[in-house]
Amino acid sequence: MKYFIEAIIKWKDFNGKSNLKSFWMFFLIFSLLGFPIGFIQSWIGFEYLNMVYLLLMIIPYLAIGFRRLNDAGINRFLFLIPFVNLILAVFPSKKLDN
């Protein structure tokens, strides 16, 4: 949960770096939260609750994705391509030579 909250706090940082673990833990929690939100949505009858959740989370998701590709040394705008972004996020961090 620490990684999820950290990504939400850093929602404005598109230029930093994020390691593999922080990206995938955020992605896991982000995905798993969809199930209880869907259940609550059907329980209370508000049919747009899941859409509100996705709209609120799209900026933190893009920010951590851009930071992840920055860390891997890949052009961060490739994160905008569906499904390719998850494949590129698997690449290890780029080591800097001094």
C-alpha atoms as a PDB file:
ATOM      1  CA  MET A   1       0.000   0.000   0.000  1.00  0.00           C
ATOM      2  CA  LYS A   2       3.014   2.243   0.582  1.00  0.00           C
ATOM      3  CA  TYR A   3       3.833   2.247  -3.146  1.00  0.00           C
ATOM      4  CA  PHE A   4       0.262   3.080  -4.104  1.00  0.00           C
ATOM      5  CA  ILE A   5       0.087   6.062  -1.755  1.00  0.00           C
ATOM      6  CA  GLU A   6       3.559   7.225  -2.798  1.00  0.00           C
ATOM      7  CA  ALA A   7       2.500   7.212  -6.468  1.00  0.00           C
ATOM      8  CA  ILE A   8      -0.613   9.235  -5.663  1.00  0.00           C
ATOM      9  CA  ILE A   9       1.450  11.770  -3.698  1.00  0.00           C
ATOM     10  CA  LYS A  10       3.899  12.116  -6.628  1.00  0.00           C
ATOM     11  CA  TRP A  11       1.103  12.579  -9.193  1.00  0.00           C
ATOM     12  CA  LYS A  12       2.747  15.737 -10.621  1.00  0.00           C
ATOM     13  CA  ASP A  13       6.242  14.264 -11.086  1.00  0.00           C
ATOM     14  CA  PHE A  14       6.579  13.045 -14.672  1.00  0.00           C
ATOM     15  CA  ASN A  15      10.370  13.517 -14.840  1.00  0.00           C
ATOM     16  CA  GLY A  16      11.732  11.472 -11.936  1.00  0.00           C
ATOM     17  CA  LYS A  17      12.443   7.770 -11.789  1.00  0.00           C
ATOM     18  CA  SER A  18      10.530   4.788 -10.380  1.00  0.00           C
ATOM     19  CA  ASN A  19      11.895   1.310  -9.916  1.00  0.00           C
ATOM     20  CA  LEU A  20      10.265  -1.928 -11.058  1.00  0.00           C
ATOM     21  CA  LYS A  21       8.810  -2.812  -7.685  1.00  0.00           C
ATOM     22  CA  SER A  22       7.100   0.526  -7.094  1.00  0.00           C
ATOM     23  CA  PHE A  23       5.521   0.515 -10.565  1.00  0.00           C
ATOM     24  CA  TRP A  24       4.221  -3.055 -10.408  1.00  0.00           C
ATOM     25  CA  MET A  25       2.961  -2.752  -6.836  1.00  0.00           C
ATOM     26  CA  PHE A  26       1.063   0.391  -7.824  1.00  0.00           C
ATOM     27  CA  PHE A  27      -0.324  -1.397 -10.892  1.00  0.00           C
ATOM     28  CA  LEU A  28      -1.388  -4.426  -8.804  1.00  0.00           C
ATOM     29  CA  ILE A  29      -3.197  -2.356  -6.172  1.00  0.00           C
ATOM     30  CA  PHE A  30      -4.704  -0.087  -8.846  1.00  0.00           C
ATOM     31  CA  SER A  31      -6.092  -3.135 -10.659  1.00  0.00           C
ATOM     32  CA  LEU A  32      -7.277  -4.976  -7.547  1.00  0.00           C
ATOM     33  CA  LEU A  33      -9.150  -1.929  -6.233  1.00  0.00           C
ATOM     34  CA  GLY A  34     -11.412  -2.172  -9.267  1.00  0.00           C
ATOM     35  CA  PHE A  35     -13.185  -5.235  -7.822  1.00  0.00           C
ATOM     36  CA  PRO A  36     -14.401  -3.718  -4.546  1.00  0.00           C
ATOM     37  CA  ILE A  37     -15.246  -0.485  -6.339  1.00  0.00           C
ATOM     38  CA  GLY A  38     -17.331  -2.456  -8.830  1.00  0.00           C
ATOM     39  CA  PHE A  39     -19.086  -4.225  -5.968  1.00  0.00           C
ATOM     40  CA  ILE A  40     -19.797  -0.932  -4.191  1.00  0.00           C
ATOM     41  CA  GLN A  41     -20.974   0.528  -7.490  1.00  0.00           C
ATOM     42  CA  SER A  42     -23.584  -2.204  -7.923  1.00  0.00           C
ATOM     43  CA  TRP A  43     -24.538  -2.108  -4.244  1.00  0.00           C
ATOM     44  CA  ILE A  44     -25.255   1.625  -4.045  1.00  0.00           C
ATOM     45  CA  GLY A  45     -26.576   1.893  -7.606  1.00  0.00           C
ATOM     46  CA  PHE A  46     -24.208   4.668  -8.749  1.00  0.00           C
ATOM     47  CA  GLU A  47     -23.295   3.389 -12.199  1.00  0.00           C
ATOM     48  CA  TYR A  48     -20.413   5.818 -12.760  1.00  0.00           C
ATOM     49  CA  LEU A  49     -18.366   5.073  -9.633  1.00  0.00           C
ATOM     50  CA  ASN A  50     -15.840   2.949 -11.522  1.00  0.00           C
ATOM     51  CA  MET A  51     -15.484   5.678 -14.160  1.00  0.00           C
ATOM     52  CA  VAL A  52     -14.850   8.286 -11.452  1.00  0.00           C
ATOM     53  CA  TYR A  53     -12.171   6.015  -9.946  1.00  0.00           C
ATOM     54  CA  LEU A  54     -10.460   5.589 -13.310  1.00  0.00           C
ATOM     55  CA  LEU A  55     -10.565   9.313 -14.057  1.00  0.00           C
ATOM     56  CA  LEU A  56      -9.042  10.112 -10.660  1.00  0.00           C
ATOM     57  CA  MET A  57      -6.280   7.526 -11.075  1.00  0.00           C
ATOM     58  CA  ILE A  58      -5.282   8.151 -14.708  1.00  0.00           C
ATOM     59  CA  ILE A  59      -2.837  10.970 -13.892  1.00  0.00           C
ATOM     60  CA  PRO A  60      -0.964   9.081 -11.115  1.00  0.00           C
ATOM     61  CA  TYR A  61      -0.863   6.004 -13.402  1.00  0.00           C
ATOM     62  CA  LEU A  62       0.623   7.985 -16.286  1.00  0.00           C
ATOM     63  CA  ALA A  63       3.070   9.756 -13.960  1.00  0.00           C
ATOM     64  CA  ILE A  64       4.452   6.533 -12.483  1.00  0.00           C
ATOM     65  CA  GLY A  65       4.571   4.974 -15.950  1.00  0.00           C
ATOM     66  CA  PHE A  66       6.544   7.901 -17.348  1.00  0.00           C
ATOM     67  CA  ARG A  67       8.923   7.734 -14.370  1.00  0.00           C
ATOM     68  CA  ARG A  68       9.323   3.961 -14.879  1.00  0.00           C
ATOM     69  CA  LEU A  69      10.305   4.358 -18.533  1.00  0.00           C
ATOM     70  CA  ASN A  70      12.656   7.220 -17.571  1.00  0.00           C
ATOM     71  CA  ASP A  71      14.349   4.818 -15.163  1.00  0.00           C
ATOM     72  CA  ALA A  72      14.621   2.156 -17.879  1.00  0.00           C
ATOM     73  CA  GLY A  73      16.141   4.660 -20.319  1.00  0.00           C
ATOM     74  CA  ILE A  74      13.244   4.396 -22.785  1.00  0.00           C
ATOM     75  CA  ASN A  75      11.339   7.291 -24.371  1.00  0.00           C
ATOM     76  CA  ARG A  76       8.634   7.951 -21.803  1.00  0.00           C
ATOM     77  CA  PHE A  77       5.973   8.856 -24.362  1.00  0.00           C
ATOM     78  CA  LEU A  78       5.898   5.212 -25.461  1.00  0.00           C
ATOM     79  CA  PHE A  79       3.954   4.623 -22.245  1.00  0.00           C
ATOM     80  CA  LEU A  80       0.923   6.102 -24.005  1.00  0.00           C
ATOM     81  CA  ILE A  81       0.679   3.067 -26.338  1.00  0.00           C
ATOM     82  CA  PRO A  82      -1.765   0.538 -24.821  1.00  0.00           C
ATOM     83  CA  PHE A  83      -0.314  -2.856 -23.811  1.00  0.00           C
ATOM     84  CA  VAL A  84       3.145  -1.894 -25.130  1.00  0.00           C
ATOM     85  CA  ASN A  85       3.529   0.241 -22.026  1.00  0.00           C
ATOM     86  CA  LEU A  86       3.295  -2.788 -19.739  1.00  0.00           C
ATOM     87  CA  ILE A  87       5.890  -4.680 -21.787  1.00  0.00           C
ATOM     88  CA  LEU A  88       8.299  -1.728 -21.717  1.00  0.00           C
ATOM     89  CA  ALA A  89       7.787  -1.288 -17.965  1.00  0.00           C
ATOM     90  CA  VAL A  90       9.428  -4.696 -17.436  1.00  0.00           C
ATOM     91  CA  PHE A  91      12.819  -3.480 -18.681  1.00  0.00           C
ATOM     92  CA  PRO A  92      15.431  -3.102 -15.917  1.00  0.00           C
ATOM     93  CA  SER A  93      16.807   0.227 -14.777  1.00  0.00           C
ATOM     94  CA  LYS A  94      19.453   1.812 -16.955  1.00  0.00           C
ATOM     95  CA  LYS A  95      22.809   2.005 -15.204  1.00  0.00           C
ATOM     96  CA  LEU A  96      24.617   5.310 -15.541  1.00  0.00           C
ATOM     97  CA  ASP A  97      28.348   5.213 -16.290  1.00  0.00           C
ATOM     98  CA  ASN A  98      30.505   7.751 -14.469  1.00  0.00           C
END
